[in-house]
């Protein structure tokens, strides 16, 4: 898994789509009654975007940057990190409640509003601004350590009932959706990339 980060480039067009995908199996009896099997607790996401202008001239390497990423990843073979501009940070996000026994807790993020929410594990942290226990800031490494997959290990079990929260930013781990992509030149030193499709999740699934 690469730690390369998908670049922010000019020329990005509207609209940009984000498509959550679950995998379930439905069985319908003769009576019409349905039963379901859920294969995934957490979705995979497809990100679809289009670049109308990628420059390749002195001082501008936009084409080489994004094509270089595709080549370095061997198409859809390897994964990399992507910042969703509208889903990449949390503030005082609850990720655990101390029970007087456990010392390890996975970082989480909640998405949704009201009673319609989904809590997902975050395995690719960009920056951890702070981590609190019952509202009190903890210090690393005296009070906790964190792994490269967002697993927090506390130095002590602490007081049962105390909530654990974190503030910071995170990435989606994604890959290119296909093993082949198309870049089109429409003018000297100007290119377009009409189908940039990424596929991944907040966890290390791809």
Protein backbone atom coordinates (compact mmCIF):
# COMPACT_ATOMS: atom_id res chain seq x y z
CA UNK A 1 0.00 0.00 0.00
CA UNK A 2 1.45 3.30 -1.11
CA UNK A 3 1.46 6.40 1.09
CA UNK A 4 1.23 8.66 -1.96
CA UNK A 5 -1.51 11.31 -1.73
CA UNK A 6 -3.78 12.11 -4.66
CA UNK A 7 -2.82 15.61 -5.87
CA UNK A 8 -4.98 18.72 -5.77
CA UNK A 9 -4.95 20.13 -9.30
CA UNK A 10 -6.72 22.97 -11.14
CA UNK A 11 -9.12 22.07 -13.92
CA UNK A 12 -11.45 19.93 -11.82
CA UNK A 13 -14.98 20.17 -13.23
CA UNK A 14 -18.40 19.97 -11.66
CA UNK A 15 -20.01 17.73 -10.95
CA UNK A 16 -18.05 15.32 -8.75
CA UNK A 17 -19.85 12.20 -7.58
CA UNK A 18 -19.38 10.06 -4.49
CA UNK A 19 -21.15 6.70 -4.58
CA UNK A 20 -21.40 4.54 -1.42
CA UNK A 21 -21.73 0.83 -2.20
CA UNK A 22 -22.85 -2.05 0.01
CA UNK A 23 -23.07 -5.71 -0.93
CA UNK A 24 -26.13 -7.59 0.22
CA UNK A 25 -27.92 -10.71 -0.95
CA UNK A 26 -31.69 -10.93 -1.19
CA UNK A 27 -33.76 -14.08 -1.12
CA UNK A 28 -37.46 -13.94 -1.89
CA UNK A 29 -39.75 -16.80 -0.91
CA UNK A 30 -42.69 -17.89 -3.03
CA UNK A 31 -44.90 -15.95 -0.64
CA UNK A 32 -42.98 -12.79 -1.48
CA UNK A 33 -41.35 -12.56 1.93
CA UNK A 34 -37.75 -11.37 1.66
CA UNK A 35 -34.70 -12.19 3.75
CA UNK A 36 -31.35 -10.46 3.48
CA UNK A 37 -27.72 -11.36 4.04
CA UNK A 38 -25.33 -8.48 4.69
CA UNK A 39 -21.78 -9.03 3.44
CA UNK A 40 -20.33 -5.61 4.33
CA UNK A 41 -20.62 -3.62 7.57
CA UNK A 42 -18.97 -0.62 5.95
CA UNK A 43 -19.32 0.62 2.38
CA UNK A 44 -16.86 1.04 -0.42
CA UNK A 45 -16.96 4.42 -2.14
CA UNK A 46 -16.60 5.33 -5.80
CA UNK A 47 -15.33 8.85 -6.51
CA UNK A 48 -15.89 10.08 -10.06
CA UNK A 49 -14.41 13.33 -11.34
CA UNK A 50 -13.30 15.02 -14.52
CA UNK A 51 -10.45 17.40 -15.33
CA UNK A 52 -11.09 19.79 -18.21
CA UNK A 53 -7.55 21.22 -18.28
CA UNK A 54 -4.22 19.62 -17.39
CA UNK A 55 -1.26 21.73 -18.44
CA UNK A 56 2.07 20.33 -19.51
CA UNK A 57 4.50 23.15 -20.16
CA UNK A 58 7.30 25.02 -18.43
CA UNK A 59 6.35 25.54 -14.79
CA UNK A 60 3.20 23.41 -15.00
CA UNK A 61 3.37 19.63 -14.61
CA UNK A 62 -0.27 18.81 -13.97
CA UNK A 63 -0.52 16.16 -16.68
CA UNK A 64 2.70 14.45 -15.59
CA UNK A 65 1.62 14.59 -11.95
CA UNK A 66 -1.65 12.71 -12.33
CA UNK A 67 -0.48 10.44 -15.13
CA UNK A 68 2.65 9.77 -13.11
CA UNK A 69 0.52 8.66 -10.16
CA UNK A 70 -1.41 6.26 -12.39
CA UNK A 71 1.84 4.83 -13.77
CA UNK A 72 3.47 4.58 -10.34
CA UNK A 73 0.44 2.66 -9.01
CA UNK A 74 0.53 0.29 -11.99
CA UNK A 75 -3.02 1.31 -12.85
CA UNK A 76 -5.48 -0.25 -10.43
CA UNK A 77 -2.85 -2.49 -8.81
CA UNK A 78 -1.73 -0.39 -5.85
CA UNK A 79 -3.65 1.93 -3.53
CA UNK A 80 -2.97 5.48 -2.37
CA UNK A 81 -4.54 8.18 -0.19
CA UNK A 82 -7.31 10.58 -1.15
CA UNK A 83 -8.70 13.62 0.69
CA UNK A 84 -12.45 14.02 0.24
CA UNK A 85 -12.88 17.81 0.59
CA UNK A 86 -16.26 17.35 2.32
CA UNK A 87 -15.44 14.31 4.44
CA UNK A 88 -11.91 14.48 5.83
CA UNK A 89 -12.03 15.86 9.38
CA UNK A 90 -13.66 15.37 12.78
CA UNK A 91 -13.91 17.50 15.91
CA UNK A 92 -14.24 15.78 19.28
CA UNK A 93 -15.40 12.58 17.60
CA UNK A 94 -16.33 9.88 20.11
CA UNK A 95 -14.38 6.69 19.45
CA UNK A 96 -14.64 4.78 22.70
CA UNK A 97 -15.75 4.67 26.33
CA UNK A 98 -13.32 3.43 28.95
CA UNK A 99 -14.51 0.35 30.81
CA UNK A 100 -11.64 -0.13 33.27
CA UNK A 101 -10.30 -3.09 31.27
CA UNK A 102 -9.62 -2.29 27.60
CA UNK A 103 -6.62 -0.20 26.54
CA UNK A 104 -6.99 -0.32 22.75
CA UNK A 105 -9.58 1.62 20.74
CA UNK A 106 -9.91 2.17 16.99
CA UNK A 107 -10.38 5.73 15.75
CA UNK A 108 -13.84 6.27 14.25
CA UNK A 109 -15.79 8.83 12.25
CA UNK A 110 -19.56 9.35 12.22
CA UNK A 111 -21.26 10.50 9.04
CA UNK A 112 -24.88 11.53 8.75
CA UNK A 113 -27.35 13.71 10.59
CA UNK A 114 -29.88 13.20 13.34
CA UNK A 115 -30.74 9.53 13.74
CA UNK A 116 -29.41 8.69 10.27
CA UNK A 117 -25.72 8.02 10.83
CA UNK A 118 -23.05 5.42 10.19
CA UNK A 119 -19.93 5.01 12.31
CA UNK A 120 -16.88 3.78 10.38
CA UNK A 121 -13.32 2.96 11.42
CA UNK A 122 -10.61 5.39 10.30
CA UNK A 123 -7.37 3.61 9.40
CA UNK A 124 -5.51 6.38 7.57
CA UNK A 125 -4.98 9.39 9.79
CA UNK A 126 -3.62 12.53 8.20
CA UNK A 127 -3.15 14.65 11.32
CA UNK A 128 -4.19 14.05 14.92
CA UNK A 129 -4.79 17.46 16.53
CA UNK A 130 -5.74 16.17 19.94
CA UNK A 131 -7.09 13.21 21.83
CA UNK A 132 -9.16 13.65 24.99
CA UNK A 133 -10.37 11.49 27.86
CA UNK A 134 -13.52 12.89 29.48
CA UNK A 135 -12.72 16.28 27.90
CA UNK A 136 -9.13 16.42 29.18
CA UNK A 137 -6.37 16.49 26.56
CA UNK A 138 -4.03 13.50 26.64
CA UNK A 139 -0.36 13.60 25.72
CA UNK A 140 1.58 11.22 23.51
CA UNK A 141 3.48 9.05 24.27
CA UNK A 142 2.95 9.47 28.03
CA UNK A 143 -0.81 8.77 27.88
CA UNK A 144 -1.24 6.94 24.57
CA UNK A 145 0.34 5.77 21.33
CA UNK A 146 -1.29 5.41 17.94
CA UNK A 147 -0.51 2.89 15.21
CA UNK A 148 -0.32 3.60 11.49
CA UNK A 149 -3.83 2.13 11.17
CA UNK A 150 -5.49 4.44 13.70
CA UNK A 151 -5.46 2.02 16.65
CA UNK A 152 -5.01 3.94 19.91
CA UNK A 153 -3.27 2.16 22.80
CA UNK A 154 -3.72 3.84 26.18
CA UNK A 155 -0.98 3.78 28.78
CA UNK A 156 -3.53 2.92 31.50
CA UNK A 157 -7.08 1.57 31.62
CA UNK A 158 -8.27 4.80 33.26
CA UNK A 159 -11.66 5.49 34.80
CA UNK A 160 -14.62 3.45 33.61
CA UNK A 161 -17.25 5.56 31.89
CA UNK A 162 -14.87 8.24 30.65
CA UNK A 163 -15.39 9.00 26.97
CA UNK A 164 -12.54 9.10 24.44
CA UNK A 165 -12.69 11.69 21.65
CA UNK A 166 -10.36 12.83 18.90
CA UNK A 167 -9.95 15.81 16.60
CA UNK A 168 -8.04 15.60 13.35
CA UNK A 169 -8.07 14.81 9.67
CA UNK A 170 -8.07 11.57 7.69
CA UNK A 171 -7.79 10.06 4.23
CA UNK A 172 -9.70 7.51 2.22
CA UNK A 173 -7.52 4.69 0.90
CA UNK A 174 -8.36 4.29 -2.76
CA UNK A 175 -7.13 2.86 -6.04
CA UNK A 176 -7.88 3.75 -9.64
CA UNK A 177 -11.10 1.99 -10.66
CA UNK A 178 -9.67 0.64 -13.92
CA UNK A 179 -6.34 -0.60 -15.24
CA UNK A 180 -6.59 1.74 -18.22
CA UNK A 181 -7.40 5.46 -18.40
CA UNK A 182 -7.52 7.98 -21.24
CA UNK A 183 -5.89 11.41 -21.43
CA UNK A 184 -6.89 13.60 -24.39
CA UNK A 185 -4.88 16.47 -25.84
CA UNK A 186 -7.14 19.20 -27.26
CA UNK A 187 -4.54 21.94 -27.77
CA UNK A 188 -0.78 22.33 -27.57
CA UNK A 189 0.32 21.67 -23.97
CA UNK A 190 -3.31 21.29 -22.84
CA UNK A 191 -4.90 17.96 -21.96
CA UNK A 192 -8.09 16.69 -20.38
CA UNK A 193 -8.87 13.68 -18.20
CA UNK A 194 -12.59 13.10 -18.48
CA UNK A 195 -12.95 9.90 -16.47
CA UNK A 196 -10.92 9.93 -13.29
CA UNK A 197 -12.50 7.17 -11.20
CA UNK A 198 -11.28 6.18 -7.73
CA UNK A 199 -12.52 3.34 -5.55
CA UNK A 200 -11.89 2.73 -1.86
CA UNK A 201 -12.88 3.27 1.75
CA UNK A 202 -11.89 4.74 5.11
CA UNK A 203 -10.32 1.39 5.96
CA UNK A 204 -7.52 -0.46 4.22
CA UNK A 205 -9.81 -2.57 2.03
CA UNK A 206 -8.36 -1.99 -1.42
